[in-house]
Protein backbone atom coordinates (compact mmCIF):
# COMPACT_ATOMS: atom_id res chain seq x y z
CA MET A 1 -3.59 -32.72 -4.71
CA ALA A 2 -4.83 -29.14 -4.40
CA GLN A 3 -2.52 -26.37 -5.62
CA LEU A 4 -2.13 -22.92 -4.06
CA ASN A 5 -1.49 -19.67 -5.90
CA ARG A 6 1.28 -17.35 -4.71
CA CYS A 7 0.42 -14.84 -1.99
CA LEU A 8 -1.38 -11.83 -3.45
CA HIS A 9 -0.04 -9.57 -0.72
CA CYS A 10 3.71 -10.23 -1.01
CA GLY A 11 4.17 -12.71 -3.89
CA SER A 12 5.71 -15.45 -1.73
CA ASP A 13 4.99 -19.15 -2.05
CA THR A 14 2.07 -20.44 0.03
CA VAL A 15 1.76 -23.63 2.03
CA PHE A 16 -0.86 -25.84 3.62
CA LYS A 17 -0.58 -26.13 7.40
CA ASN A 18 -2.24 -28.66 9.69
CA GLU A 19 -3.46 -27.29 13.03
CA MET A 20 -5.55 -28.58 15.90
CA GLN A 21 -8.93 -27.10 16.80
CA GLY A 22 -9.94 -28.70 20.06
CA ALA A 23 -9.62 -32.45 19.47
CA LYS A 24 -9.95 -32.15 15.68
CA THR A 25 -7.30 -31.61 13.03
CA GLY A 26 -7.82 -28.94 10.39
CA VAL A 27 -6.05 -27.45 7.39
CA LEU A 28 -5.38 -23.84 6.44
CA ALA A 29 -3.38 -22.07 3.74
CA MET A 30 -0.84 -19.48 4.71
CA CYS A 31 1.83 -17.32 3.13
CA GLY A 32 5.28 -18.86 3.47
CA ASN A 33 6.73 -15.46 4.36
CA PRO A 34 6.54 -15.10 8.17
CA ALA A 35 6.59 -11.31 7.84
CA CYS A 36 3.39 -11.39 5.74
CA GLY A 37 1.24 -13.68 7.89
CA VAL A 38 -1.77 -13.89 5.56
CA ARG A 39 -3.80 -17.07 6.12
CA THR A 40 -7.21 -18.61 5.54
CA PRO A 41 -9.61 -19.74 8.24
CA LEU A 42 -9.06 -23.29 9.50
CA VAL A 43 -11.15 -26.00 7.82
CA VAL A 44 -11.63 -29.13 9.96
CA GLU A 45 -10.95 -32.44 8.22
CA SER A 46 -14.01 -34.49 7.27
CA VAL A 47 -14.84 -37.63 5.30
CA ALA A 48 -17.54 -35.57 3.54
CA TYR A 49 -15.08 -33.24 1.75
CA SER A 50 -11.40 -32.56 1.15
CA ALA A 51 -10.28 -29.85 3.56
CA MET A 52 -7.23 -29.11 1.37
CA ASP A 53 -9.44 -28.61 -1.72
CA ARG A 54 -11.77 -26.32 0.23
CA VAL A 55 -8.89 -24.27 1.64
CA ALA A 56 -7.28 -24.01 -1.82
CA GLY A 57 -10.60 -22.80 -3.22
CA VAL A 58 -10.77 -20.02 -0.63
CA TRP A 59 -7.11 -19.03 -1.07
CA ASN A 60 -7.10 -19.17 -4.88
CA THR A 61 -10.31 -17.15 -5.28
CA SER A 62 -9.12 -14.42 -2.93
CA THR A 63 -8.60 -11.12 -4.70
CA GLY A 64 -6.04 -9.92 -2.18
CA GLU A 65 -8.58 -7.28 -1.26
CA GLU A 66 -10.00 -6.53 2.13
CA TRP A 67 -13.31 -8.15 1.05
CA PRO A 68 -12.69 -11.84 0.17
CA THR A 69 -15.38 -13.72 -1.73
CA TRP A 70 -17.98 -15.34 0.55
CA VAL A 71 -17.88 -19.16 0.64
CA GLN A 72 -20.77 -21.17 2.14
CA PRO A 73 -19.58 -22.63 5.46
CA LEU A 74 -20.20 -26.34 5.91
CA GLY A 75 -20.85 -25.98 9.66
CA GLY A 76 -19.69 -24.36 12.86
CA HIS A 77 -16.09 -25.45 12.30
CA ASP A 78 -15.63 -23.09 9.35
CA ALA A 79 -18.32 -20.49 10.11
CA TYR A 80 -17.54 -16.78 9.87
CA SER A 81 -16.74 -14.97 13.11
CA TYR A 82 -18.07 -11.63 14.32
CA GLY A 83 -16.52 -8.86 12.24
CA SER A 84 -15.63 -11.04 9.23
CA ARG A 85 -15.73 -9.08 5.97
CA VAL A 86 -16.86 -10.67 2.71
CA ARG A 87 -17.96 -9.77 -0.80
CA HIS A 88 -21.12 -11.50 -2.07
CA LYS A 89 -23.24 -10.74 -5.14
CA SER A 90 -21.24 -7.56 -5.84
CA LYS A 91 -21.84 -6.17 -2.34
CA ASN A 92 -19.68 -5.91 0.78
CA TRP A 93 -20.92 -7.44 4.04
CA VAL A 94 -19.74 -7.58 7.67
CA SER A 95 -20.83 -10.39 9.99
CA HIS A 96 -22.53 -9.06 13.10
CA VAL A 97 -22.78 -12.48 14.79
CA ASP A 98 -20.29 -15.18 15.74
CA ALA A 99 -20.43 -18.65 14.12
CA ASN A 100 -22.22 -17.18 11.09
CA VAL A 101 -23.20 -19.83 8.52
CA TRP A 102 -25.90 -17.75 6.83
CA GLU A 103 -25.64 -16.29 3.34
CA PRO A 104 -25.10 -12.53 3.34
CA GLY A 105 -28.44 -10.81 2.82
CA VAL A 106 -30.34 -13.60 4.59
CA SER A 107 -29.31 -13.23 8.24
CA GLY A 108 -26.35 -12.24 10.40
CA TRP A 109 -24.73 -9.75 8.00
CA THR A 110 -24.75 -5.97 7.67
CA LEU A 111 -24.49 -4.46 4.19
CA GLN A 112 -21.69 -1.91 3.88
CA GLU A 113 -23.04 0.73 1.50
CA GLY A 114 -20.68 2.71 -0.70
CA LEU A 115 -17.71 0.36 -0.28
CA ALA A 116 -17.70 -1.34 -3.68
């Protein structure tokens, strides 16, 4: 079973949470401290991958910074939304489209200069 690191923002334990997205069930990781509220995007369950492993990978590689490491979305269910901020190849990017599955630098992202 996937393991989660403690919350980088407040140090509390973190938990997996199942939620519904339309008719599908998904998994996310969230801080166990209700006052903190930090959470990952929802990853819809699939037979092609372990949603818990994918969510743990996103949570555990987070730096606690405003620019989390970019992770390749598997489809529309875990795509980046408009305004999402990521760090990729030592650069900071902001998504300027909704349902963004493209790699930063290819399409759908704006480079944020001077924000290393």
